Structure formats: C-alpha cells, structure tokens
Amino acid sequence: MNIISLIAVTTIASLTFALTPINETCRFTGNPVNAEVTYAVGDVEIAFCCNGCKGGFAKWDKEKQTTYIADQKAEKQVADAKSKMVVHTPYLLDTCPISGNKLDSMGGSVTEIIDGREVRFCCAGCPPKFKADKESQFKKLDALMIAQQLPFYPTNTCVISGESLDFHGGVVNFIYGNRLFRTCCNDCKAEFLSEPAKYVPELDEEIIKVQKKKYPLKTCVIGKGALKGMGGPDYMIVGNRLVQLCCSGCRATVLKNPLATFAIIDAAKK
C-alpha cells in the first residue's frame, strides 16, 4: 500500500469513528449514553450506556431498528426547530385546526413546526391553508388550548408580580409554546415574554407540588415499572399537567402521543 492510499484509508477511518450518535439517552435505560459504546446501522450510529444494552439492540430485527432511527431523526428535527424556545409543549388537541377532523381520520397525522410551535394536521393538504392565514388560525388554536389547559393551571397567583391573578380586575390568559400561562396584567405578560426562562421553572415547581399530591399512578405511565426503579421519578410537565416517569428515556413516547398518556392517568383517577 503506498503512502497516498494509506492516508486515504486513515482519513476514511477517522471519519467513520467521528460519527455523532443519533441519540443522547440509552433506548433501554434512559441513562446518558457512552459515546464509545455504539452500534452502526448503515451510516447511522446508535449509542448505549453499556454493552448489555447494545447487545439487546443488535437482536432487534432491521425493521424495528429502522423505525427507532426514524423516530430519533424526527425528534431531533423538532428539537432543532424549537431550540430557541423555553417551552416545548407538543400539540395537545386531537383535531386538525383546518378540517376539524380527528388527526387520524386520514390514516395518520402530519406534524409541522410553525413559528416555533408544533401543529398537527389530518393530512398534507391542510398545513398550506393554515400558513396562508397564520394569525387568525393561531388565535382559534389559542382559544381551544386555553380552555383545554385552564382546569389544570396550578395557581391563582401571577407568576411575575406575585399578586392575585384578578388583582387588576381581569386575568390575562395567553399561549406560549402551546402552553397556557396566566398573568394579572399585560405588563406582566410582556415581562414574561421578555425572559420566559426566568419564570417557567417557578411554575413547573408549583405544578409538581400541587399535582403530585393527587397523582393516581405508582408506576411509570410508559414503562409500567416502579417510578423509582430507574432512578426516578422523572417529573415531566406537559401542557401544565404533571406526568411521572421512571426515567427520561420515556419522555419521547409521551411527546409522540401526549393525549394517550393523559387518558391513562385520567382513567386511573376513576
């Protein structure tokens, strides 16, 4: 082998080992991955926390592996599109904002990120109609989301001023990142929007404190195992609702179908 060929081979090998894993948490444990424990499917690297989990993935058939990779790519695209948002709430309605039909009425929903917000449609023909009149369409969506999330809002106090929400004679309800927030006045709303990262954690803590007391499940709503079995519970806030999980690895499933998750929690309350 001549010097040029050796350099070429070395370069190709370096590029191969420099691939970034498609996932950050282990598919099996939900723990952070070890970038040196990987399994390649074509030109995609999947990382795991240990060789035991890697061996488990290797036993999956190709279709299951390919589906997992496709899901990871889709989640990364959504995460990249929302990277500037503090609140990453999925679309929580079960109907298309254009047709009014159930999201699965056409065989499968279509998801788009529009102005940093996830919106789901019943078919590919609906997103262009939404984008043609975004202002009025979001106004209708916001009204539906406010009504849906209002019963779960955990406090009657303004997260900005600390005053009662009706201190000025009326409450300001608004949607940010598909999630309901409430302030006592428009000045406080403007303050929130100028620095949401400062105020969202405070509201999250209040939700956990209030809703944990009456949370009906002792097991993970996704993995079905004990909430403390994987180092949890992992507290996830989705549209001002608390979801308790055994580990962060279960979050992706909640985001994919949040309404199914809510249905399981609500059924357990009966």
Protein backbone atom coordinates (compact mmCIF):
# COMPACT_ATOMS: atom_id res chain seq x y z
CA MET A 1 0.00 0.00 0.00
CA ASN A 2 1.53 3.36 -0.99
CA ILE A 3 1.60 6.45 1.20
CA ILE A 4 -1.34 8.14 -0.58
CA SER A 5 -3.54 5.06 -0.20
CA LEU A 6 -2.59 4.78 3.46
CA ILE A 7 -3.55 8.42 4.07
CA ALA A 8 -6.87 7.89 2.31
CA VAL A 9 -7.70 4.80 4.36
CA THR A 10 -6.71 6.56 7.57
CA THR A 11 -8.87 9.56 6.69
CA ILE A 12 -11.90 7.39 5.92
CA ALA A 13 -11.44 5.50 9.19
CA SER A 14 -11.20 8.77 11.11
CA LEU A 15 -14.43 10.00 9.55
CA THR A 16 -16.16 6.74 10.38
CA PHE A 17 -15.22 6.90 14.05
CA ALA A 18 -16.08 10.61 14.20
CA LEU A 19 -19.78 9.99 13.56
CA THR A 20 -22.01 11.52 16.20
CA PRO A 21 -24.56 9.12 17.73
CA ILE A 22 -28.13 9.91 16.80
CA ASN A 23 -29.32 9.57 20.40
CA GLU A 24 -28.26 11.11 23.72
CA THR A 25 -30.03 8.72 26.07
CA CYS A 26 -29.99 4.94 26.06
CA ARG A 27 -33.07 3.37 24.48
CA PHE A 28 -33.28 0.75 27.24
CA THR A 29 -32.36 2.55 30.48
CA GLY A 30 -32.89 6.23 29.73
CA ASN A 31 -29.41 6.93 31.09
CA PRO A 32 -26.90 9.16 29.24
CA VAL A 33 -25.10 7.20 26.53
CA ASN A 34 -21.43 6.25 26.37
CA ALA A 35 -20.23 7.58 23.01
CA GLU A 36 -17.75 4.70 22.80
CA VAL A 37 -20.49 2.03 23.04
CA THR A 38 -22.21 2.25 19.66
CA TYR A 39 -23.92 0.12 17.05
CA ALA A 40 -23.97 1.09 13.38
CA VAL A 41 -26.98 0.73 11.09
CA GLY A 42 -25.81 1.89 7.67
CA ASP A 43 -24.26 5.33 8.21
CA VAL A 44 -26.09 5.93 11.49
CA GLU A 45 -24.53 5.36 14.91
CA ILE A 46 -26.74 4.46 17.88
CA ALA A 47 -25.14 4.79 21.30
CA PHE A 48 -25.87 2.95 24.54
CA CYS A 49 -24.97 3.21 28.20
CA CYS A 50 -23.37 -0.24 28.25
CA ASN A 51 -22.58 -3.27 26.11
CA GLY A 52 -25.57 -5.15 27.51
CA CYS A 53 -27.99 -2.63 26.01
CA LYS A 54 -26.01 -2.61 22.77
CA GLY A 55 -26.45 -6.38 22.57
CA GLY A 56 -30.18 -6.01 23.12
CA PHE A 57 -30.48 -3.57 20.24
CA ALA A 58 -28.43 -5.84 17.98
CA LYS A 59 -31.04 -8.56 18.46
CA TRP A 60 -33.82 -6.34 17.08
CA ASP A 61 -34.89 -7.03 13.51
CA LYS A 62 -33.96 -4.48 10.85
CA GLU A 63 -37.47 -3.03 10.64
CA LYS A 64 -37.57 -2.25 14.35
CA GLN A 65 -34.07 -0.73 14.23
CA THR A 66 -35.00 1.41 11.23
CA THR A 67 -38.19 2.61 12.94
CA TYR A 68 -36.22 3.64 16.03
CA ILE A 69 -33.73 5.59 13.90
CA ALA A 70 -36.54 7.34 12.01
CA ASP A 71 -38.17 8.35 15.30
CA GLN A 72 -34.87 9.72 16.63
CA LYS A 73 -34.33 11.76 13.46
CA ALA A 74 -37.85 13.19 13.64
CA GLU A 75 -37.42 14.13 17.30
CA LYS A 76 -34.10 15.82 16.54
CA GLN A 77 -35.68 17.89 13.77
CA VAL A 78 -38.41 19.05 16.13
CA ALA A 79 -35.85 19.81 18.86
CA ASP A 80 -33.67 21.80 16.45
CA ALA A 81 -36.66 23.82 15.26
CA LYS A 82 -37.60 24.59 18.86
CA SER A 83 -34.08 25.22 20.12
CA LYS A 84 -34.80 28.87 20.86
CA MET A 85 -37.98 28.08 22.78
CA VAL A 86 -38.05 27.60 26.53
CA VAL A 87 -41.38 25.76 26.44
CA HIS A 88 -41.53 22.68 24.22
CA THR A 89 -45.13 21.54 24.52
CA PRO A 90 -46.46 19.23 21.81
CA TYR A 91 -49.76 19.78 20.05
CA LEU A 92 -52.35 18.74 22.64
CA LEU A 93 -55.56 18.79 20.60
CA ASP A 94 -56.98 15.71 18.89
CA THR A 95 -58.44 17.54 15.89
CA CYS A 96 -56.98 19.22 12.82
CA PRO A 97 -57.14 23.04 13.05
CA ILE A 98 -58.21 23.31 9.40
CA SER A 99 -60.65 20.46 8.76
CA GLY A 100 -61.81 19.95 12.33
CA ASN A 101 -61.48 16.20 11.76
CA LYS A 102 -59.72 13.81 14.11
CA LEU A 103 -55.99 13.75 13.46
CA ASP A 104 -56.05 10.09 12.46
CA SER A 105 -59.10 10.40 10.20
CA MET A 106 -56.94 10.32 7.06
CA GLY A 107 -54.74 7.44 8.14
CA GLY A 108 -52.07 9.37 10.04
CA SER A 109 -51.38 12.91 11.20
CA VAL A 110 -48.91 15.40 9.70
CA THR A 111 -46.73 17.45 12.06
CA GLU A 112 -45.19 20.83 11.24
CA ILE A 113 -43.33 23.47 13.23
CA ILE A 114 -44.90 26.85 12.51
CA ASP A 115 -43.47 29.95 14.20
CA GLY A 116 -41.71 27.69 16.70
CA ARG A 117 -44.89 25.82 17.64
CA GLU A 118 -45.80 22.22 16.85
CA VAL A 119 -49.08 21.92 14.92
CA ARG A 120 -50.59 18.62 13.82
CA PHE A 121 -52.92 18.18 10.85
CA CYS A 122 -55.06 15.37 9.44
CA CYS A 123 -53.34 15.43 6.04
CA ALA A 124 -50.64 17.15 3.96
CA GLY A 125 -53.21 19.43 2.30
CA CYS A 126 -54.03 21.33 5.50
CA PRO A 127 -50.70 22.98 6.52
CA PRO A 128 -50.61 25.36 3.50
CA LYS A 129 -54.11 26.57 4.36
CA PHE A 130 -53.03 27.23 7.95
CA LYS A 131 -49.91 29.13 6.89
CA ALA A 132 -51.93 31.30 4.49
CA ASP A 133 -53.71 32.88 7.48
CA LYS A 134 -51.49 32.14 10.48
CA GLU A 135 -52.68 34.99 12.68
CA SER A 136 -56.35 34.02 12.72
CA GLN A 137 -55.57 30.30 12.79
CA PHE A 138 -53.35 30.65 15.86
CA LYS A 139 -55.99 32.82 17.50
CA LYS A 140 -58.53 29.99 17.15
CA LEU A 141 -56.00 27.42 18.33
CA ASP A 142 -55.08 29.51 21.36
CA ALA A 143 -58.71 29.74 22.45
CA LEU A 144 -59.06 25.96 22.30
CA MET A 145 -55.78 25.38 24.15
CA ILE A 146 -56.66 27.86 26.89
CA ALA A 147 -59.99 26.12 27.51
CA GLN A 148 -58.29 22.71 27.50
CA GLN A 149 -55.48 23.59 29.93
CA LEU A 150 -57.28 26.01 32.27
CA PRO A 151 -58.61 23.30 34.65
CA PHE A 152 -55.04 22.15 35.34
CA TYR A 153 -53.47 25.55 35.98
CA PRO A 154 -51.98 25.23 39.48
CA THR A 155 -52.18 28.72 40.96
CA ASN A 156 -54.32 31.84 41.23
CA THR A 157 -51.22 33.99 41.62
CA CYS A 158 -49.39 35.89 38.89
CA VAL A 159 -46.04 34.25 38.24
CA ILE A 160 -44.48 37.69 37.63
CA SER A 161 -45.89 40.08 40.25
CA GLY A 162 -46.91 37.59 42.91
CA GLU A 163 -50.29 39.30 43.13
CA SER A 164 -53.63 37.58 42.76
CA LEU A 165 -54.47 36.99 39.10
CA ASP A 166 -57.55 39.21 39.40
CA PHE A 167 -55.65 41.99 41.20
CA HIS A 168 -56.27 44.38 38.29
CA GLY A 169 -59.82 43.24 37.69
CA GLY A 170 -59.12 40.66 35.00
CA VAL A 171 -56.82 37.78 34.10
CA VAL A 172 -54.57 37.71 31.02
CA ASN A 173 -54.53 34.21 29.55
CA PHE A 174 -52.08 33.52 26.73
CA ILE A 175 -50.39 30.62 24.96
CA TYR A 176 -46.62 30.40 24.68
CA GLY A 177 -45.08 27.33 23.07
CA ASN A 178 -48.50 25.58 23.05
CA ARG A 179 -48.75 26.04 26.82
CA LEU A 180 -51.10 28.24 28.88
CA PHE A 181 -49.69 30.97 31.07
CA ARG A 182 -51.65 33.48 33.15
CA THR A 183 -50.71 36.93 34.41
CA CYS A 184 -52.51 39.68 36.28
CA CYS A 185 -51.95 42.28 33.54
CA ASN A 186 -50.46 42.86 30.10
CA ASP A 187 -47.33 44.45 31.60
CA CYS A 188 -46.61 41.17 33.41
CA LYS A 189 -47.28 39.24 30.21
CA ALA A 190 -44.69 41.39 28.41
CA GLU A 191 -42.23 40.77 31.26
CA PHE A 192 -42.78 37.03 30.98
CA LEU A 193 -42.26 37.01 27.21
CA SER A 194 -39.05 39.03 27.56
CA GLU A 195 -37.46 36.38 29.81
CA PRO A 196 -39.56 33.19 30.00
CA ALA A 197 -36.65 31.04 31.19
CA LYS A 198 -36.71 33.02 34.44
CA TYR A 199 -40.34 32.21 35.22
CA VAL A 200 -41.20 28.82 33.71
CA PRO A 201 -39.24 26.76 36.32
CA GLU A 202 -41.16 28.51 39.11
CA LEU A 203 -44.49 27.48 37.59
CA ASP A 204 -43.21 23.95 36.98
CA GLU A 205 -42.33 23.61 40.67
CA GLU A 206 -45.83 24.72 41.62
CA ILE A 207 -47.39 22.16 39.27
CA ILE A 208 -45.28 19.37 40.76
CA LYS A 209 -46.15 20.42 44.32
CA VAL A 210 -49.90 20.66 43.66
CA GLN A 211 -50.49 17.74 41.29
CA LYS A 212 -48.13 15.23 42.90
CA LYS A 213 -50.46 15.03 45.93
CA LYS A 214 -53.29 13.53 43.89
CA TYR A 215 -51.29 11.76 41.18
CA PRO A 216 -53.06 8.39 40.78
CA LEU A 217 -50.28 6.13 39.49
CA LYS A 218 -47.48 4.45 41.41
CA THR A 219 -45.87 3.11 38.23
CA CYS A 220 -44.46 4.74 35.10
CA VAL A 221 -47.24 5.56 32.64
CA ILE A 222 -44.95 4.49 29.77
CA GLY A 223 -42.59 1.79 31.04
CA LYS A 224 -45.11 0.42 33.60
CA GLY A 225 -42.33 -0.21 36.09
CA ALA A 226 -41.85 1.35 39.52
CA LEU A 227 -41.36 5.13 39.41
CA LYS A 228 -38.15 4.78 41.41
CA GLY A 229 -36.97 1.71 39.54
CA MET A 230 -34.72 3.61 37.12
CA GLY A 231 -33.62 6.36 39.49
CA GLY A 232 -36.83 8.36 39.11
CA PRO A 233 -39.39 9.59 39.39
CA ASP A 234 -38.74 11.88 36.46
CA TYR A 235 -41.19 14.79 36.58
CA MET A 236 -42.36 15.94 33.16
CA ILE A 237 -44.66 18.94 32.62
CA VAL A 238 -46.87 18.72 29.51
CA GLY A 239 -49.40 21.49 28.98
CA ASN A 240 -49.49 22.31 32.72
CA ARG A 241 -50.05 18.66 33.59
CA LEU A 242 -47.68 16.52 35.63
CA VAL A 243 -46.54 13.21 34.13
CA GLN A 244 -44.40 10.99 36.36
CA LEU A 245 -41.97 8.66 34.62
CA CYS A 246 -39.36 6.13 35.68
CA CYS A 247 -36.65 7.81 33.60
CA SER A 248 -36.04 10.50 30.98
CA GLY A 249 -35.95 7.83 28.28
CA CYS A 250 -39.75 7.59 28.46
CA ARG A 251 -40.27 11.27 27.60
CA ALA A 252 -40.11 10.75 23.83
CA THR A 253 -43.11 8.41 23.94
CA VAL A 254 -45.13 10.98 25.89
CA LEU A 255 -44.30 13.71 23.37
CA LYS A 256 -45.31 11.46 20.48
CA ASN A 257 -48.80 10.83 21.87
CA PRO A 258 -49.50 13.07 24.89
CA LEU A 259 -53.27 12.57 24.77
CA ALA A 260 -52.88 8.81 25.14
CA THR A 261 -50.69 9.45 28.19
CA PHE A 262 -53.30 11.79 29.72
CA ALA A 263 -56.02 9.18 29.09
CA ILE A 264 -54.13 6.57 31.12
CA ILE A 265 -53.62 9.00 34.00
CA ASP A 266 -57.26 10.12 33.95
CA ALA A 267 -58.53 6.54 33.86
CA ALA A 268 -56.52 5.75 36.98
CA LYS A 269 -58.34 8.54 38.85
CA LYS A 270 -61.73 6.84 38.46
